[in-house]
Amino acid sequence: MNEDPRMRRLHFRAWHRGTREADYTVGGFFDRYHAQWSDEEIAWFERFMDEQDADIMAWALGTLPVPEDYAGPMMDRFLKLDFVRIEN
């Protein structure tokens, strides 16, 4: 894991959302993509972490429209859900 305190804090927040589904979704997204994020993308993720799990999961599942504030490449990557590991 990165030694940067900011990234360690984000990693913790991503994996400790409050529900297992949100942990896997948000934490998996962080693990898969964080190493290549720019400062602007990190700032986007920090704002994203302030949202409610129910909203994040609804955006991921397509049951709520994504707010314009979050629309763009980061949300496009998030919505692919190609980072969620499904274990039997």
C-alpha atoms as a PDB file:
ATOM      1  CA  MET A   1       0.000   0.000   0.000  1.00  0.00           C
ATOM      2  CA  ASN A   2       1.032   3.540  -0.679  1.00  0.00           C
ATOM      3  CA  GLU A   3       2.864   5.364   2.124  1.00  0.00           C
ATOM      4  CA  ASP A   4       0.995   8.599   1.378  1.00  0.00           C
ATOM      5  CA  PRO A   5      -1.326   9.270   4.362  1.00  0.00           C
ATOM      6  CA  ARG A   6      -3.981  10.692   2.043  1.00  0.00           C
ATOM      7  CA  MET A   7      -4.119   7.484   0.014  1.00  0.00           C
ATOM      8  CA  ARG A   8      -4.036   5.265   3.115  1.00  0.00           C
ATOM      9  CA  ARG A   9      -6.988   7.213   4.501  1.00  0.00           C
ATOM     10  CA  LEU A  10      -8.885   6.840   1.223  1.00  0.00           C
ATOM     11  CA  HIS A  11      -8.132   3.116   1.152  1.00  0.00           C
ATOM     12  CA  PHE A  12      -9.542   2.722   4.647  1.00  0.00           C
ATOM     13  CA  ARG A  13     -12.648   4.763   3.847  1.00  0.00           C
ATOM     14  CA  ALA A  14     -13.217   2.845   0.615  1.00  0.00           C
ATOM     15  CA  TRP A  15     -13.151  -0.511   2.411  1.00  0.00           C
ATOM     16  CA  HIS A  16     -15.118   0.557   5.500  1.00  0.00           C
ATOM     17  CA  ARG A  17     -18.306   1.983   4.028  1.00  0.00           C
ATOM     18  CA  GLY A  18     -20.788   0.273   6.309  1.00  0.00           C
ATOM     19  CA  THR A  19     -22.216  -2.413   4.062  1.00  0.00           C
ATOM     20  CA  ARG A  20     -20.417  -5.363   2.534  1.00  0.00           C
ATOM     21  CA  GLU A  21     -21.792  -4.534  -0.923  1.00  0.00           C
ATOM     22  CA  ALA A  22     -20.504  -0.962  -0.778  1.00  0.00           C
ATOM     23  CA  ASP A  23     -17.166  -2.140   0.639  1.00  0.00           C
ATOM     24  CA  TYR A  24     -16.635  -4.484  -2.296  1.00  0.00           C
ATOM     25  CA  THR A  25     -17.831  -1.970  -4.846  1.00  0.00           C
ATOM     26  CA  VAL A  26     -16.057   1.165  -3.633  1.00  0.00           C
ATOM     27  CA  GLY A  27     -13.038  -0.664  -2.186  1.00  0.00           C
ATOM     28  CA  GLY A  28     -12.618  -2.739  -5.329  1.00  0.00           C
ATOM     29  CA  PHE A  29     -12.752   0.405  -7.455  1.00  0.00           C
ATOM     30  CA  PHE A  30     -10.094   2.043  -5.295  1.00  0.00           C
ATOM     31  CA  ASP A  31      -7.814  -1.016  -5.374  1.00  0.00           C
ATOM     32  CA  ARG A  32      -8.089  -1.421  -9.118  1.00  0.00           C
ATOM     33  CA  TYR A  33      -7.558   2.186 -10.184  1.00  0.00           C
ATOM     34  CA  HIS A  34      -6.006   4.375  -7.456  1.00  0.00           C
ATOM     35  CA  ALA A  35      -2.372   3.880  -8.529  1.00  0.00           C
ATOM     36  CA  GLN A  36      -2.992   5.725 -11.789  1.00  0.00           C
ATOM     37  CA  TRP A  37      -5.119   8.607 -10.481  1.00  0.00           C
ATOM     38  CA  SER A  38      -4.113  12.226 -10.945  1.00  0.00           C
ATOM     39  CA  ASP A  39      -4.577  14.793  -8.171  1.00  0.00           C
ATOM     40  CA  GLU A  40      -7.854  15.840  -9.794  1.00  0.00           C
ATOM     41  CA  GLU A  41      -9.106  12.247  -9.811  1.00  0.00           C
ATOM     42  CA  ILE A  42      -8.092  11.767  -6.185  1.00  0.00           C
ATOM     43  CA  ALA A  43     -10.062  14.907  -5.301  1.00  0.00           C
ATOM     44  CA  TRP A  44     -13.073  13.466  -7.188  1.00  0.00           C
ATOM     45  CA  PHE A  45     -12.807  10.237  -5.186  1.00  0.00           C
ATOM     46  CA  GLU A  46     -12.559  12.157  -1.907  1.00  0.00           C
ATOM     47  CA  ARG A  47     -15.837  13.934  -2.726  1.00  0.00           C
ATOM     48  CA  PHE A  48     -17.353  10.615  -3.813  1.00  0.00           C
ATOM     49  CA  MET A  49     -16.492   9.127  -0.413  1.00  0.00           C
ATOM     50  CA  ASP A  50     -18.741  11.716   1.246  1.00  0.00           C
ATOM     51  CA  GLU A  51     -21.826  10.341  -0.528  1.00  0.00           C
ATOM     52  CA  GLN A  52     -24.254   7.899   1.053  1.00  0.00           C
ATOM     53  CA  ASP A  53     -23.791   4.185   0.334  1.00  0.00           C
ATOM     54  CA  ALA A  54     -27.393   3.893  -0.853  1.00  0.00           C
ATOM     55  CA  ASP A  55     -26.792   6.573  -3.493  1.00  0.00           C
ATOM     56  CA  ILE A  56     -23.466   5.119  -4.628  1.00  0.00           C
ATOM     57  CA  MET A  57     -24.981   1.659  -4.978  1.00  0.00           C
ATOM     58  CA  ALA A  58     -28.023   3.050  -6.819  1.00  0.00           C
ATOM     59  CA  TRP A  59     -25.725   4.809  -9.305  1.00  0.00           C
ATOM     60  CA  ALA A  60     -23.719   1.602  -9.751  1.00  0.00           C
ATOM     61  CA  LEU A  61     -26.873  -0.426 -10.372  1.00  0.00           C
ATOM     62  CA  GLY A  62     -28.468   2.215 -12.578  1.00  0.00           C
ATOM     63  CA  THR A  63     -31.524   2.720 -10.378  1.00  0.00           C
ATOM     64  CA  LEU A  64     -30.710   6.405  -9.810  1.00  0.00           C
ATOM     65  CA  PRO A  65     -29.227   8.783 -12.355  1.00  0.00           C
ATOM     66  CA  VAL A  66     -25.659   9.889 -11.697  1.00  0.00           C
ATOM     67  CA  PRO A  67     -25.524  13.526 -10.549  1.00  0.00           C
ATOM     68  CA  GLU A  68     -23.881  15.823 -13.046  1.00  0.00           C
ATOM     69  CA  ASP A  69     -21.161  16.650 -10.486  1.00  0.00           C
ATOM     70  CA  TYR A  70     -19.892  13.078 -10.771  1.00  0.00           C
ATOM     71  CA  ALA A  71     -20.397  12.485 -14.491  1.00  0.00           C
ATOM     72  CA  GLY A  72     -17.227  11.877 -16.486  1.00  0.00           C
ATOM     73  CA  PRO A  73     -14.368   9.408 -16.894  1.00  0.00           C
ATOM     74  CA  MET A  74     -14.085   8.442 -13.221  1.00  0.00           C
ATOM     75  CA  MET A  75     -17.779   7.593 -12.968  1.00  0.00           C
ATOM     76  CA  ASP A  76     -17.640   5.823 -16.327  1.00  0.00           C
ATOM     77  CA  ARG A  77     -14.922   3.550 -14.909  1.00  0.00           C
ATOM     78  CA  PHE A  78     -16.861   3.050 -11.696  1.00  0.00           C
ATOM     79  CA  LEU A  79     -20.050   2.079 -13.557  1.00  0.00           C
ATOM     80  CA  LYS A  80     -18.288  -0.711 -15.466  1.00  0.00           C
ATOM     81  CA  LEU A  81     -18.088  -2.677 -12.199  1.00  0.00           C
ATOM     82  CA  ASP A  82     -15.275  -4.703 -13.784  1.00  0.00           C
ATOM     83  CA  PHE A  83     -13.311  -4.496 -10.542  1.00  0.00           C
ATOM     84  CA  VAL A  84     -15.792  -6.333  -8.309  1.00  0.00           C
ATOM     85  CA  ARG A  85     -14.465  -9.778  -7.460  1.00  0.00           C
ATOM     86  CA  ILE A  86     -17.136 -12.422  -7.202  1.00  0.00           C
ATOM     87  CA  GLU A  87     -16.090 -15.374  -5.106  1.00  0.00           C
ATOM     88  CA  ASN A  88     -18.019 -18.595  -4.738  1.00  0.00           C
END
